[in-house]
Amino acid sequence: MDDRTILRRISELVDEEHRLRTNAQQGEGFTDEDRARLRELEESLDQCWDLLRRRRAARQSGGDPDSAGVRSVTEVEKYLQ
């Protein structure tokens, strides 16, 4: 996955997150399915941002950005910044 593809995916995920939040504000709030989907979106966004940061770091240090792969949700979520 190249940087453009990752950025496009981030944009898609953010758009969906905004739609869910807007719908919840205009209606009765979040359903259980909405809450579950929001959590999935947040996790996917964290994975995408992590991958993009690691690709950029590899490129800046003279490494191969394609060597960076998507890390598990567990690994990304427990990472301290």
C-alpha atoms as a PDB file:
ATOM      1  CA  MET A   1       0.000   0.000   0.000  1.00  0.00           C
ATOM      2  CA  ASP A   2       1.493   3.372  -0.962  1.00  0.00           C
ATOM      3  CA  ASP A   3       1.088   6.672   0.913  1.00  0.00           C
ATOM      4  CA  ARG A   4      -1.660   7.941  -1.401  1.00  0.00           C
ATOM      5  CA  THR A   5      -3.693   4.795  -0.868  1.00  0.00           C
ATOM      6  CA  ILE A   6      -3.263   5.067   2.894  1.00  0.00           C
ATOM      7  CA  LEU A   7      -4.282   8.735   2.878  1.00  0.00           C
ATOM      8  CA  ARG A   8      -7.311   7.937   0.721  1.00  0.00           C
ATOM      9  CA  ARG A   9      -8.311   5.185   3.164  1.00  0.00           C
ATOM     10  CA  ILE A  10      -7.903   7.581   6.098  1.00  0.00           C
ATOM     11  CA  SER A  11     -10.175  10.070   4.337  1.00  0.00           C
ATOM     12  CA  GLU A  12     -12.825   7.388   3.736  1.00  0.00           C
ATOM     13  CA  LEU A  13     -12.728   6.289   7.369  1.00  0.00           C
ATOM     14  CA  VAL A  14     -12.967   9.871   8.655  1.00  0.00           C
ATOM     15  CA  ASP A  15     -15.908  10.567   6.331  1.00  0.00           C
ATOM     16  CA  GLU A  16     -17.756   7.524   7.645  1.00  0.00           C
ATOM     17  CA  GLU A  17     -16.988   8.506  11.239  1.00  0.00           C
ATOM     18  CA  HIS A  18     -18.373  12.001  10.625  1.00  0.00           C
ATOM     19  CA  ARG A  19     -21.526  10.575   9.024  1.00  0.00           C
ATOM     20  CA  LEU A  20     -22.141   8.335  12.023  1.00  0.00           C
ATOM     21  CA  ARG A  21     -21.605  11.179  14.479  1.00  0.00           C
ATOM     22  CA  THR A  22     -23.816  13.569  12.489  1.00  0.00           C
ATOM     23  CA  ASN A  23     -26.606  11.002  12.233  1.00  0.00           C
ATOM     24  CA  ALA A  24     -26.385  10.363  15.973  1.00  0.00           C
ATOM     25  CA  GLN A  25     -26.618  14.082  16.749  1.00  0.00           C
ATOM     26  CA  GLN A  26     -29.665  14.476  14.526  1.00  0.00           C
ATOM     27  CA  GLY A  27     -31.411  11.405  15.883  1.00  0.00           C
ATOM     28  CA  GLU A  28     -31.655   9.495  19.118  1.00  0.00           C
ATOM     29  CA  GLY A  29     -27.935   9.022  19.625  1.00  0.00           C
ATOM     30  CA  PHE A  30     -25.786   6.007  18.907  1.00  0.00           C
ATOM     31  CA  THR A  31     -27.115   2.503  18.524  1.00  0.00           C
ATOM     32  CA  ASP A  32     -25.033  -0.425  19.744  1.00  0.00           C
ATOM     33  CA  GLU A  33     -24.094  -1.078  16.111  1.00  0.00           C
ATOM     34  CA  ASP A  34     -23.010   2.559  15.695  1.00  0.00           C
ATOM     35  CA  ARG A  35     -20.805   2.344  18.780  1.00  0.00           C
ATOM     36  CA  ALA A  36     -19.231  -0.879  17.552  1.00  0.00           C
ATOM     37  CA  ARG A  37     -18.626   0.596  14.110  1.00  0.00           C
ATOM     38  CA  LEU A  38     -17.104   3.755  15.611  1.00  0.00           C
ATOM     39  CA  ARG A  39     -14.688   1.617  17.591  1.00  0.00           C
ATOM     40  CA  GLU A  40     -13.740  -0.275  14.418  1.00  0.00           C
ATOM     41  CA  LEU A  41     -13.231   3.016  12.584  1.00  0.00           C
ATOM     42  CA  GLU A  42     -11.030   4.386  15.370  1.00  0.00           C
ATOM     43  CA  GLU A  43      -8.919   1.232  15.366  1.00  0.00           C
ATOM     44  CA  SER A  44      -8.572   1.259  11.574  1.00  0.00           C
ATOM     45  CA  LEU A  45      -7.611   4.932  11.638  1.00  0.00           C
ATOM     46  CA  ASP A  46      -4.968   4.233  14.279  1.00  0.00           C
ATOM     47  CA  GLN A  47      -3.562   1.431  12.116  1.00  0.00           C
ATOM     48  CA  CYS A  48      -3.491   3.635   9.009  1.00  0.00           C
ATOM     49  CA  TRP A  49      -1.805   6.550  10.776  1.00  0.00           C
ATOM     50  CA  ASP A  50       0.721   4.176  12.346  1.00  0.00           C
ATOM     51  CA  LEU A  51       1.550   2.663   8.960  1.00  0.00           C
ATOM     52  CA  LEU A  52       1.881   6.081   7.330  1.00  0.00           C
ATOM     53  CA  ARG A  53       4.202   7.344  10.096  1.00  0.00           C
ATOM     54  CA  ARG A  54       6.401   4.247   9.859  1.00  0.00           C
ATOM     55  CA  ARG A  55       6.560   4.464   6.044  1.00  0.00           C
ATOM     56  CA  ARG A  56       7.598   8.114   6.260  1.00  0.00           C
ATOM     57  CA  ALA A  57      10.195   7.351   8.939  1.00  0.00           C
ATOM     58  CA  ALA A  58      11.651   4.542   6.828  1.00  0.00           C
ATOM     59  CA  ARG A  59      11.855   6.814   3.796  1.00  0.00           C
ATOM     60  CA  GLN A  60      13.522   9.626   5.785  1.00  0.00           C
ATOM     61  CA  SER A  61      16.122   7.263   7.206  1.00  0.00           C
ATOM     62  CA  GLY A  62      16.955   5.825   3.794  1.00  0.00           C
ATOM     63  CA  GLY A  63      14.995   2.624   4.328  1.00  0.00           C
ATOM     64  CA  ASP A  64      12.348   0.956   2.227  1.00  0.00           C
ATOM     65  CA  PRO A  65       8.860   2.272   3.077  1.00  0.00           C
ATOM     66  CA  ASP A  66       7.336  -0.857   1.554  1.00  0.00           C
ATOM     67  CA  SER A  67       8.943  -2.920   4.304  1.00  0.00           C
ATOM     68  CA  ALA A  68       6.455  -1.423   6.788  1.00  0.00           C
ATOM     69  CA  GLY A  69       3.317  -3.489   7.145  1.00  0.00           C
ATOM     70  CA  VAL A  70       0.059  -2.983   8.968  1.00  0.00           C
ATOM     71  CA  ARG A  71       0.444  -3.831  12.640  1.00  0.00           C
ATOM     72  CA  SER A  72      -2.282  -5.499  14.678  1.00  0.00           C
ATOM     73  CA  VAL A  73      -4.874  -3.405  16.481  1.00  0.00           C
ATOM     74  CA  THR A  74      -3.544  -4.698  19.796  1.00  0.00           C
ATOM     75  CA  GLU A  75      -0.022  -3.572  18.986  1.00  0.00           C
ATOM     76  CA  VAL A  76      -1.092  -0.154  17.699  1.00  0.00           C
ATOM     77  CA  GLU A  77      -3.560   0.513  20.524  1.00  0.00           C
ATOM     78  CA  LYS A  78      -0.994  -0.260  23.232  1.00  0.00           C
ATOM     79  CA  TYR A  79       1.703   1.926  21.690  1.00  0.00           C
ATOM     80  CA  LEU A  80       2.612   4.894  23.880  1.00  0.00           C
ATOM     81  CA  GLN A  81       3.477   8.118  22.115  1.00  0.00           C
END
